Amino acid sequence: MAEFVVHPDVRFINEVIRTGGGDLKKCYQCATCSTVCALSPEESPFPRRQILQAQWGLKEQVLSDPAIWLCHNCGDCTERCPRGVRPGDVLGALRQKAIERFAWPGFVARLINNPKALAVWVLIPVLLFGLQWAIGPEGVSRTGEPEFAQEYPLWLLEALFFTLSGLVVVAFAVSMARFIGALRAAGAREPILSNLVPVILETLAHRRFAECTAERNRYRGHLLLLWGFVGLAVVGTLIGIGVMAGVVTTPLTQTNPLKIFANLSGLAALAGALILLADRWRNPDKRAHSTYFDWYLITVLTGVLATGFLSQIFRELEWAAMYPVYFVHLVLVFMLLVYAPYSKLAHLAYRTVALAAAGRKR
């Protein structure tokens, strides 16, 4: 008889427990979670197997399993677990460890997800935009009608953020290549590229998330947040290209169609963020189990939206407070964009690829 030997990665087990999977050892493999989950496929149910692999410390196997990305942590399994385990939280911790495992460069992901290093990651954009403000744009007076360009010329900001966006794309590309390689090595044989379009359409519609029953507010909040930021991304890209090409002049008037669309998108995203924050805050148990990984993203997202609207309002009122608020806005946008491959925002890329690899196109 062939001998089966397991070499558990004890450090990995402890990391999963420490990063949100505190109930990992409480699970006694009754499979209730796999039975009640509306998203768990009959042919390859989760999360029972993935929790068992994590309990055994099988790091490479479980982090290369696309099933950990099929879970939306909707809470259906938590409501029915006879042991009071939170299986969704365990899979959430596994997803964080997967990002740290496949993100490039890996040490950046580990540092960004360490709350003790937060001050460093805030200080970088503070120094960057603070230096730009201190130097000041040549040939632009800081007197007269208030305008952001008096402190931060738009062409310079657009050039900076387009450059940073390019670096983010490279980081995501390398990370996804590593992730896909691990999925293939683990046995995934679905044609990922041809599955991407239906998976993206599914994500935009949130059809799978809508199947969850325990936490409908999270579904609504996520949907508003997703579509709001899609709209903002489209408008921001169009305006940025237009400014650099010299065909768009800012600031846009409040009646400009792009401005109207941007404001509507921002309001949708802000409503979604506030729904998620309120839902988390109203539920003491959920609040207690939320991790730094969770709070970082929702806090930065909400901050970006709130400071964006405040900057716009203060500018219309010609209040000097517009400049410091806009400074905070730029810092938060930097933290949202540049750290995206390493934060929870990276779920968008990893989940999309995992769904395609698992053949989940409906």
Protein backbone atom coordinates (compact mmCIF):
# COMPACT_ATOMS: atom_id res chain seq x y z
CA MET A 1 0.00 0.00 0.00
CA ALA A 2 1.34 3.39 -0.97
CA GLU A 3 2.27 5.61 1.95
CA PHE A 4 0.65 9.04 2.15
CA VAL A 5 2.68 11.56 4.10
CA VAL A 6 1.51 15.07 4.98
CA HIS A 7 4.06 17.72 5.82
CA PRO A 8 2.00 20.49 7.41
CA ASP A 9 3.15 24.07 7.15
CA VAL A 10 2.53 25.08 10.76
CA ARG A 11 3.51 28.67 10.10
CA PHE A 12 0.88 28.89 7.37
CA ILE A 13 -1.79 27.47 9.71
CA ASN A 14 -1.00 30.11 12.31
CA GLU A 15 -1.02 32.87 9.68
CA VAL A 16 -4.49 31.83 8.48
CA ILE A 17 -5.76 31.86 12.07
CA ARG A 18 -4.16 35.24 12.75
CA THR A 19 -5.50 36.91 9.57
CA GLY A 20 -9.19 36.20 10.11
CA GLY A 21 -9.50 32.41 10.11
CA GLY A 22 -9.64 32.14 13.89
CA ASP A 23 -12.26 29.36 13.74
CA LEU A 24 -10.11 27.11 11.57
CA LYS A 25 -9.46 24.50 14.26
CA LYS A 26 -13.09 24.42 15.42
CA CYS A 27 -14.34 22.83 12.18
CA TYR A 28 -15.03 19.06 12.55
CA GLN A 29 -15.83 18.47 8.87
CA CYS A 30 -19.59 17.90 9.06
CA ALA A 31 -20.02 19.41 5.55
CA THR A 32 -23.01 21.55 6.54
CA CYS A 33 -21.33 24.56 4.94
CA SER A 34 -20.92 22.81 1.59
CA THR A 35 -24.52 21.60 1.71
CA VAL A 36 -26.21 24.93 2.44
CA CYS A 37 -24.05 27.12 0.18
CA ALA A 38 -26.01 28.18 -2.92
CA LEU A 39 -22.75 28.84 -4.79
CA SER A 40 -21.08 25.50 -4.04
CA PRO A 41 -21.13 23.27 -7.17
CA GLU A 42 -22.31 19.69 -6.68
CA GLU A 43 -19.43 18.23 -8.65
CA SER A 44 -16.77 19.98 -6.55
CA PRO A 45 -18.29 21.44 -3.37
CA PHE A 46 -16.59 23.94 -1.10
CA PRO A 47 -15.56 25.08 1.52
CA ARG A 48 -15.22 21.79 3.45
CA ARG A 49 -12.23 20.50 1.48
CA GLN A 50 -10.42 23.84 1.50
CA ILE A 51 -10.86 24.20 5.28
CA LEU A 52 -9.47 20.68 5.75
CA GLN A 53 -6.45 21.50 3.57
CA ALA A 54 -5.86 24.65 5.62
CA GLN A 55 -6.14 22.67 8.86
CA TRP A 56 -3.47 20.31 7.55
CA GLY A 57 -1.25 23.20 6.48
CA LEU A 58 -1.31 22.26 2.80
CA LYS A 59 -0.41 25.77 1.70
CA GLU A 60 0.33 25.31 -1.99
CA GLN A 61 -2.67 23.05 -2.60
CA VAL A 62 -5.25 25.29 -0.98
CA LEU A 63 -3.89 28.60 -2.30
CA SER A 64 -3.86 27.16 -5.85
CA ASP A 65 -7.48 26.03 -5.58
CA PRO A 66 -9.81 28.36 -7.53
CA ALA A 67 -12.66 27.37 -5.22
CA ILE A 68 -11.48 29.74 -2.48
CA TRP A 69 -12.42 32.56 -4.87
CA LEU A 70 -15.90 31.20 -5.61
CA CYS A 71 -17.03 32.10 -2.09
CA HIS A 72 -18.52 35.59 -1.57
CA ASN A 73 -18.55 35.32 2.24
CA CYS A 74 -22.31 35.92 2.26
CA GLY A 75 -22.82 34.27 5.66
CA ASP A 76 -25.26 31.47 4.74
CA CYS A 77 -22.85 28.82 6.03
CA THR A 78 -22.06 30.78 9.20
CA GLU A 79 -25.77 30.95 10.13
CA ARG A 80 -26.11 27.16 9.96
CA CYS A 81 -22.76 25.88 11.23
CA PRO A 82 -23.41 23.61 14.29
CA ARG A 83 -19.98 24.49 15.71
CA GLY A 84 -20.34 28.26 15.35
CA VAL A 85 -17.53 28.35 12.79
CA ARG A 86 -17.36 31.18 10.24
CA PRO A 87 -16.26 29.27 7.09
CA GLY A 88 -16.49 32.39 4.93
CA ASP A 89 -13.99 34.16 7.17
CA VAL A 90 -11.58 31.23 6.87
CA LEU A 91 -11.80 31.41 3.08
CA GLY A 92 -11.39 35.18 3.30
CA ALA A 93 -8.13 34.64 5.19
CA LEU A 94 -7.04 32.13 2.54
CA ARG A 95 -7.73 34.67 -0.19
CA GLN A 96 -5.55 37.20 1.61
CA LYS A 97 -2.75 34.65 1.88
CA ALA A 98 -3.18 33.82 -1.83
CA ILE A 99 -2.71 37.50 -2.76
CA GLU A 100 0.43 37.61 -0.62
CA ARG A 101 1.65 34.36 -2.21
CA PHE A 102 1.19 35.34 -5.87
CA ALA A 103 1.46 39.15 -5.84
CA TRP A 104 4.59 40.67 -7.33
CA PRO A 105 6.72 41.69 -5.60
CA GLY A 106 5.54 39.51 -2.73
CA PHE A 107 7.21 41.39 0.10
CA VAL A 108 5.17 44.51 -0.79
CA ALA A 109 1.92 42.58 -0.29
CA ARG A 110 3.06 41.29 3.08
CA LEU A 111 4.11 44.76 4.23
CA ILE A 112 1.00 46.55 2.98
CA ASN A 113 -1.20 44.05 4.80
CA ASN A 114 0.73 44.61 8.02
CA PRO A 115 -1.03 47.32 10.09
CA LYS A 116 2.26 48.18 11.77
CA ALA A 117 3.60 49.43 8.43
CA LEU A 118 0.56 51.58 7.58
CA ALA A 119 2.33 54.83 8.52
CA VAL A 120 5.02 54.14 5.90
CA TRP A 121 2.49 53.55 3.12
CA VAL A 122 0.65 56.74 4.03
CA LEU A 123 3.88 58.73 4.26
CA ILE A 124 4.94 57.90 0.68
CA PRO A 125 2.07 59.77 -1.08
CA VAL A 126 2.10 62.48 1.61
CA LEU A 127 5.73 63.25 0.80
CA LEU A 128 5.13 62.94 -2.95
CA PHE A 129 2.24 65.40 -3.12
CA GLY A 130 3.65 67.55 -0.34
CA LEU A 131 6.83 68.06 -2.33
CA GLN A 132 4.83 68.93 -5.43
CA TRP A 133 2.80 71.48 -3.45
CA ALA A 134 5.92 73.00 -1.86
CA ILE A 135 7.65 73.47 -5.22
CA GLY A 136 4.55 74.86 -6.87
CA PRO A 137 3.81 75.01 -10.60
CA GLU A 138 5.84 77.49 -12.61
CA GLY A 139 4.02 80.43 -14.10
CA VAL A 140 0.81 79.88 -12.18
CA SER A 141 -0.23 82.46 -9.61
CA ARG A 142 -1.57 81.34 -6.25
CA THR A 143 -3.86 84.34 -6.09
CA GLY A 144 -7.23 85.06 -7.57
CA GLU A 145 -10.07 82.59 -8.07
CA PRO A 146 -9.50 79.29 -6.23
CA GLU A 147 -8.52 76.46 -8.54
CA PHE A 148 -6.82 73.13 -7.90
CA ALA A 149 -4.43 73.73 -10.80
CA GLN A 150 -2.93 76.60 -8.82
CA GLU A 151 -1.42 73.98 -6.53
CA TYR A 152 -1.48 70.81 -8.62
CA PRO A 153 -1.43 71.30 -12.41
CA LEU A 154 -3.74 68.72 -13.93
CA TRP A 155 -1.35 67.71 -16.72
CA LEU A 156 1.28 66.80 -14.11
CA LEU A 157 -1.20 64.80 -12.02
CA GLU A 158 -2.47 62.97 -15.09
CA ALA A 159 1.07 62.13 -16.19
CA LEU A 160 1.90 60.90 -12.70
CA PHE A 161 -1.18 58.75 -12.32
CA PHE A 162 -0.94 57.32 -15.84
CA THR A 163 2.67 56.32 -15.05
CA LEU A 164 1.63 54.79 -11.75
CA SER A 165 -1.26 53.01 -13.48
CA GLY A 166 1.24 51.48 -15.90
CA LEU A 167 3.29 50.13 -12.98
CA VAL A 168 0.12 48.75 -11.40
CA VAL A 169 -0.78 46.98 -14.66
CA VAL A 170 2.68 45.40 -14.77
CA ALA A 171 2.37 44.25 -11.15
CA PHE A 172 -1.05 42.74 -11.86
CA ALA A 173 0.18 41.08 -15.07
CA VAL A 174 3.08 39.35 -13.32
CA SER A 175 0.86 38.39 -10.38
CA MET A 176 -1.80 36.90 -12.65
CA ALA A 177 0.84 34.97 -14.62
CA ARG A 178 2.07 33.44 -11.37
CA PHE A 179 -1.48 32.70 -10.24
CA ILE A 180 -2.46 31.09 -13.54
CA GLY A 181 0.71 28.98 -13.45
CA ALA A 182 -0.26 27.70 -10.00
CA LEU A 183 -3.83 26.97 -11.15
CA ARG A 184 -2.52 25.00 -14.14
CA ALA A 185 -0.08 23.08 -11.95
CA ALA A 186 -2.99 22.22 -9.64
CA GLY A 187 -4.95 20.74 -12.54
CA ALA A 188 -7.12 23.58 -13.89
CA ARG A 189 -7.68 22.90 -17.59
CA GLU A 190 -10.45 25.33 -18.54
CA PRO A 191 -9.63 27.84 -21.33
CA ILE A 192 -9.21 30.89 -19.11
CA LEU A 193 -8.96 33.47 -21.89
CA SER A 194 -12.15 32.44 -23.68
CA ASN A 195 -14.01 32.25 -20.37
CA LEU A 196 -13.10 35.79 -19.32
CA VAL A 197 -15.86 37.67 -21.17
CA PRO A 198 -18.78 35.68 -19.68
CA VAL A 199 -17.14 35.79 -16.25
CA ILE A 200 -16.74 39.58 -16.45
CA LEU A 201 -20.39 39.94 -17.49
CA GLU A 202 -21.38 37.74 -14.56
CA THR A 203 -19.30 39.87 -12.21
CA LEU A 204 -20.85 43.11 -13.47
CA ALA A 205 -24.33 41.65 -12.92
CA HIS A 206 -23.38 40.08 -9.57
CA ARG A 207 -25.61 37.13 -10.45
CA ARG A 208 -23.76 34.70 -8.18
CA PHE A 209 -23.74 37.14 -5.28
CA ALA A 210 -27.50 37.57 -5.69
CA GLU A 211 -27.95 33.87 -4.83
CA CYS A 212 -26.80 34.49 -1.26
CA THR A 213 -29.62 34.90 1.27
CA ALA A 214 -28.09 35.80 4.65
CA GLU A 215 -26.68 39.25 3.84
CA ARG A 216 -28.60 41.00 1.08
CA ASN A 217 -27.18 44.38 2.07
CA ARG A 218 -23.67 43.28 1.08
CA TYR A 219 -24.96 42.32 -2.36
CA ARG A 220 -26.58 45.74 -2.85
CA GLY A 221 -23.57 47.61 -1.47
CA HIS A 222 -21.10 45.70 -3.62
CA LEU A 223 -23.17 46.19 -6.76
CA LEU A 224 -23.47 49.97 -6.27
CA LEU A 225 -19.81 50.29 -5.39
CA LEU A 226 -18.69 48.26 -8.41
CA TRP A 227 -20.81 50.15 -10.95
CA GLY A 228 -20.01 53.50 -9.38
CA PHE A 229 -16.29 52.97 -9.70
CA VAL A 230 -16.64 51.58 -13.22
CA GLY A 231 -18.32 54.85 -14.17
CA LEU A 232 -15.67 56.94 -12.41
CA ALA A 233 -12.88 54.97 -14.07
CA VAL A 234 -14.39 55.52 -17.52
CA VAL A 235 -14.85 59.26 -16.98
CA GLY A 236 -11.45 59.71 -15.36
CA THR A 237 -9.72 57.95 -18.23
CA LEU A 238 -11.57 59.98 -20.87
CA ILE A 239 -10.82 63.28 -19.13
CA GLY A 240 -7.19 62.35 -18.53
CA ILE A 241 -6.59 61.44 -22.16
CA GLY A 242 -8.49 64.53 -23.30
CA VAL A 243 -6.42 66.87 -21.11
CA MET A 244 -3.12 65.36 -22.22
CA ALA A 245 -4.25 65.54 -25.85
CA GLY A 246 -5.33 69.16 -25.42
CA VAL A 247 -8.97 68.57 -26.39
CA VAL A 248 -10.50 68.80 -22.90
CA THR A 249 -10.28 71.84 -20.66
CA THR A 250 -10.82 71.61 -16.92
CA PRO A 251 -12.50 72.34 -14.62
CA LEU A 252 -15.64 70.99 -16.26
CA THR A 253 -18.85 72.87 -15.64
CA GLN A 254 -21.51 71.22 -13.48
CA THR A 255 -23.74 70.90 -16.57
CA ASN A 256 -21.11 69.09 -18.64
CA PRO A 257 -22.35 65.55 -19.46
CA LEU A 258 -19.07 64.01 -18.27
CA LYS A 259 -19.35 65.92 -14.99
CA ILE A 260 -22.95 64.83 -14.48
CA PHE A 261 -22.09 61.20 -15.20
CA ALA A 262 -19.07 61.36 -12.87
CA ASN A 263 -21.18 62.80 -10.03
CA LEU A 264 -23.89 60.17 -10.48
CA SER A 265 -21.26 57.42 -10.52
CA GLY A 266 -19.63 58.86 -7.41
CA LEU A 267 -22.95 59.02 -5.57
CA ALA A 268 -23.70 55.39 -6.46
CA ALA A 269 -20.27 54.29 -5.25
CA LEU A 270 -20.57 56.35 -2.04
CA ALA A 271 -24.00 54.88 -1.33
CA GLY A 272 -22.58 51.38 -1.80
CA ALA A 273 -19.63 52.09 0.50
CA LEU A 274 -21.90 53.53 3.21
CA ILE A 275 -24.22 50.51 2.97
CA LEU A 276 -21.25 48.18 3.52
CA LEU A 277 -19.90 50.27 6.39
CA ALA A 278 -23.31 50.50 8.08
CA ASP A 279 -23.91 46.79 7.62
CA ARG A 280 -20.57 45.98 9.20
CA TRP A 281 -20.99 48.47 12.02
CA ARG A 282 -24.57 47.45 12.93
CA ASN A 283 -23.51 43.82 13.35
CA PRO A 284 -21.23 43.55 16.42
CA ASP A 285 -20.25 39.98 15.57
CA LYS A 286 -19.28 40.92 12.03
CA ARG A 287 -17.47 44.01 13.26
CA ALA A 288 -15.51 41.93 15.77
CA HIS A 289 -14.42 39.48 13.07
CA SER A 290 -13.46 42.12 10.49
CA THR A 291 -9.73 42.32 9.88
CA TYR A 292 -7.33 45.10 8.95
CA PHE A 293 -7.39 43.66 5.40
CA ASP A 294 -11.16 44.33 5.29
CA TRP A 295 -11.14 47.74 6.95
CA TYR A 296 -8.26 49.13 4.90
CA LEU A 297 -10.09 48.87 1.58
CA ILE A 298 -13.54 50.03 2.64
CA THR A 299 -12.06 52.95 4.62
CA VAL A 300 -9.84 54.12 1.75
CA LEU A 301 -12.69 53.71 -0.77
CA THR A 302 -15.07 55.76 1.36
CA GLY A 303 -12.38 58.36 2.00
CA VAL A 304 -11.65 58.77 -1.71
CA LEU A 305 -15.32 59.35 -2.47
CA ALA A 306 -16.03 61.64 0.49
CA THR A 307 -12.97 63.87 -0.07
CA GLY A 308 -13.72 64.00 -3.79
CA PHE A 309 -17.19 65.39 -3.20
CA LEU A 310 -16.00 67.73 -0.45
CA SER A 311 -13.25 69.11 -2.70
CA GLN A 312 -15.79 69.81 -5.39
CA ILE A 313 -18.25 71.47 -2.99
CA PHE A 314 -15.57 73.63 -1.36
CA ARG A 315 -14.32 74.73 -4.76
CA GLU A 316 -17.82 75.83 -5.79
CA LEU A 317 -18.07 77.79 -2.52
CA GLU A 318 -14.53 79.17 -3.08
CA TRP A 319 -13.42 78.02 0.35
CA ALA A 320 -9.68 77.76 1.04
CA ALA A 321 -10.36 74.40 2.73
CA MET A 322 -10.58 72.92 -0.76
CA TYR A 323 -6.78 72.65 -0.96
CA PRO A 324 -6.08 70.54 2.16
CA VAL A 325 -9.12 68.36 1.43
CA TYR A 326 -7.90 67.84 -2.13
CA PHE A 327 -4.47 66.95 -0.78
CA VAL A 328 -6.03 64.21 1.38
CA HIS A 329 -8.04 63.09 -1.66
CA LEU A 330 -4.86 62.68 -3.74
CA VAL A 331 -3.17 60.71 -0.96
CA LEU A 332 -6.13 58.34 -0.70
CA VAL A 333 -6.39 57.91 -4.48
CA PHE A 334 -2.70 56.99 -4.51
CA MET A 335 -3.26 54.43 -1.73
CA LEU A 336 -6.24 52.96 -3.57
CA LEU A 337 -4.59 52.76 -7.00
CA VAL A 338 -0.92 52.02 -6.37
CA TYR A 339 -1.54 49.46 -3.62
CA ALA A 340 -4.38 47.75 -5.52
CA PRO A 341 -2.37 44.61 -6.52
CA TYR A 342 -1.72 43.91 -2.83
CA SER A 343 -4.94 44.98 -1.08
CA LYS A 344 -8.40 43.44 -1.04
CA LEU A 345 -9.12 45.34 -4.27
CA ALA A 346 -7.01 42.68 -6.00
CA HIS A 347 -9.99 40.35 -5.50
CA LEU A 348 -11.36 41.71 -8.77
CA ALA A 349 -8.48 40.23 -10.75
CA TYR A 350 -7.97 37.01 -8.78
CA ARG A 351 -11.67 36.15 -8.58
CA THR A 352 -12.18 36.81 -12.29
CA VAL A 353 -9.29 34.52 -13.27
CA ALA A 354 -10.33 31.86 -10.74
CA LEU A 355 -13.91 31.84 -12.00
CA ALA A 356 -12.64 31.47 -15.57
CA ALA A 357 -10.29 28.67 -14.52
CA ALA A 358 -13.11 26.89 -12.74
CA GLY A 359 -15.39 27.22 -15.76
CA ARG A 360 -17.97 29.22 -13.80
CA LYS A 361 -19.43 31.22 -16.70
CA ARG A 362 -23.06 31.49 -15.68
